[in-house]
Amino acid sequence: MKESFWGIFVVMLGIVSIVFIYFFQTVTNTDEQNYLLLKEITEAAMLDAVDLASYKKTGTVRIDREKFVENFLRRFAESVTLGNTYVIKIYDVNESPPKVSLQISTKLQSNVTSQIMDFNITNRLDAILETPY
């Protein structure tokens, strides 16, 4: 009888640990995915928004603000997970020198027990476009 209680204890401990691992893996993957998407999409949108006419004329690197925002939102919408809700805040877009400040917030819901738990995951990025001379 004593050995069967130990067996039940080990099985229950295994189930609880699997639930915790699944829960934290979901939160960690969402945070990592948001950061990598933010970094890669910002770089690509900044390169797409470079004003080539200004570069050819004066030799200075500038980005077009409207083109950057349009490219960033389009690329981000194509790449995100559809099950999450995202809030994108663009704080600052400098055209010359090219610099942007962005923040992405995700609201993640998890139902480990009978209670629904909400998590707000926020990633912020300040990016400067550097070009070699």
Protein backbone atom coordinates (compact mmCIF):
# COMPACT_ATOMS: atom_id res chain seq x y z
CA MET A 1 0.00 0.00 0.00
CA LYS A 2 2.84 2.37 0.86
CA GLU A 3 4.55 1.78 -2.51
CA SER A 4 1.35 2.54 -4.44
CA PHE A 5 1.09 5.96 -2.74
CA TRP A 6 4.67 6.69 -3.77
CA GLY A 7 3.80 5.67 -7.34
CA ILE A 8 0.77 7.97 -7.39
CA PHE A 9 2.90 10.79 -5.93
CA VAL A 10 5.56 10.40 -8.63
CA VAL A 11 2.94 10.35 -11.43
CA MET A 12 1.18 13.46 -10.05
CA LEU A 13 4.52 15.25 -9.63
CA GLY A 14 5.33 14.42 -13.26
CA ILE A 15 1.99 15.78 -14.50
CA VAL A 16 2.36 19.01 -12.49
CA SER A 17 5.91 19.57 -13.73
CA ILE A 18 4.83 19.00 -17.37
CA VAL A 19 2.06 21.61 -16.94
CA PHE A 20 4.54 24.15 -15.51
CA ILE A 21 7.05 23.51 -18.28
CA TYR A 22 4.35 23.97 -20.94
CA PHE A 23 3.14 27.19 -19.29
CA PHE A 24 6.57 28.83 -19.02
CA GLN A 25 7.59 27.64 -22.48
CA THR A 26 4.56 29.40 -23.98
CA VAL A 27 5.42 32.68 -22.27
CA THR A 28 9.12 32.44 -23.13
CA ASN A 29 8.49 31.55 -26.79
CA THR A 30 6.09 34.47 -27.19
CA ASP A 31 8.63 36.91 -25.72
CA GLU A 32 11.48 35.57 -27.84
CA GLN A 33 9.41 35.53 -31.02
CA ASN A 34 8.28 39.12 -30.47
CA TYR A 35 11.83 40.34 -29.89
CA LEU A 36 13.27 38.62 -32.94
CA LEU A 37 10.39 39.78 -35.13
CA LEU A 38 10.79 43.33 -33.86
CA LYS A 39 14.52 43.37 -34.51
CA GLU A 40 14.47 41.80 -37.97
CA ILE A 41 11.41 43.64 -39.26
CA THR A 42 12.69 47.00 -38.05
CA GLU A 43 15.98 46.52 -39.86
CA ALA A 44 14.28 45.42 -43.08
CA ALA A 45 11.74 48.25 -42.97
CA MET A 46 14.49 50.82 -42.39
CA LEU A 47 16.45 49.52 -45.36
CA ASP A 48 13.31 49.62 -47.52
CA ALA A 49 12.55 53.19 -46.44
CA VAL A 50 15.96 54.64 -47.40
CA ASP A 51 15.47 57.69 -49.60
CA LEU A 52 17.69 56.90 -52.58
CA ALA A 53 17.08 60.24 -54.34
CA SER A 54 18.40 62.14 -51.31
CA TYR A 55 21.37 59.80 -51.05
CA LYS A 56 22.30 60.28 -54.71
CA LYS A 57 21.88 64.05 -54.48
CA THR A 58 23.58 64.89 -51.17
CA GLY A 59 25.24 61.66 -50.03
CA THR A 60 23.39 61.59 -46.69
CA VAL A 61 21.37 58.58 -45.62
CA ARG A 62 17.73 59.42 -44.82
CA ILE A 63 14.62 57.33 -44.40
CA ASP A 64 11.09 58.27 -45.33
CA ARG A 65 8.89 58.22 -42.22
CA GLU A 66 5.64 57.18 -43.91
CA LYS A 67 7.35 54.50 -45.97
CA PHE A 68 9.01 53.06 -42.85
CA VAL A 69 5.74 52.85 -40.91
CA GLU A 70 3.93 51.30 -43.88
CA ASN A 71 6.65 48.68 -44.45
CA PHE A 72 6.97 47.88 -40.74
CA LEU A 73 3.24 47.33 -40.24
CA ARG A 74 2.90 45.25 -43.42
CA ARG A 75 5.85 43.00 -42.57
CA PHE A 76 4.79 42.63 -38.93
CA ALA A 77 1.22 41.72 -39.88
CA GLU A 78 2.51 39.03 -42.26
CA SER A 79 4.76 37.43 -39.64
CA VAL A 80 2.89 37.37 -36.32
CA THR A 81 0.88 34.63 -34.67
CA LEU A 82 -2.83 35.11 -35.30
CA GLY A 83 -3.89 33.94 -31.85
CA ASN A 84 -2.34 36.89 -30.00
CA THR A 85 -3.35 40.54 -29.66
CA TYR A 86 -0.60 43.05 -30.41
CA VAL A 87 -0.28 46.76 -29.63
CA ILE A 88 2.37 48.59 -31.65
CA LYS A 89 3.59 51.99 -30.48
CA ILE A 90 6.00 53.96 -32.64
CA TYR A 91 7.52 56.61 -30.43
CA ASP A 92 10.10 58.29 -32.61
CA VAL A 93 11.15 58.17 -36.24
CA ASN A 94 14.08 60.43 -37.14
CA GLU A 95 14.63 60.76 -40.86
CA SER A 96 18.23 61.93 -40.70
CA PRO A 97 20.16 60.27 -39.07
CA PRO A 98 17.90 57.22 -39.43
CA LYS A 99 16.67 56.25 -35.95
CA VAL A 100 13.44 54.66 -34.74
CA SER A 101 11.98 53.79 -31.33
CA LEU A 102 9.30 51.10 -31.18
CA GLN A 103 7.38 49.12 -28.59
CA ILE A 104 5.29 45.98 -29.08
CA SER A 105 2.99 44.70 -26.36
CA THR A 106 1.31 41.31 -26.41
CA LYS A 107 -1.48 40.19 -24.15
CA LEU A 108 -1.18 36.48 -23.50
CA GLN A 109 -3.83 34.45 -21.71
CA SER A 110 -3.12 31.15 -20.07
CA ASN A 111 -5.43 28.68 -18.40
CA VAL A 112 -3.28 26.42 -16.24
CA THR A 113 -5.84 25.93 -13.52
CA SER A 114 -9.48 26.94 -13.50
CA GLN A 115 -8.38 30.60 -13.40
CA ILE A 116 -7.47 32.55 -16.53
CA MET A 117 -4.18 34.37 -16.09
CA ASP A 118 -3.26 37.41 -18.22
CA PHE A 119 0.32 38.35 -19.05
CA ASN A 120 1.48 41.53 -20.74
CA ILE A 121 4.73 40.96 -22.61
CA THR A 122 6.41 44.16 -23.78
CA ASN A 123 9.41 44.48 -26.08
CA ARG A 124 11.01 47.84 -26.80
CA LEU A 125 13.65 48.60 -29.43
CA ASP A 126 15.67 51.68 -30.34
CA ALA A 127 17.36 51.19 -33.70
CA ILE A 128 19.88 53.27 -35.64
CA LEU A 129 20.61 52.48 -39.29
CA GLU A 130 24.35 52.26 -39.77
CA THR A 131 25.96 52.21 -43.19
CA PRO A 132 29.63 51.64 -44.01
CA TYR A 133 31.46 54.45 -45.79
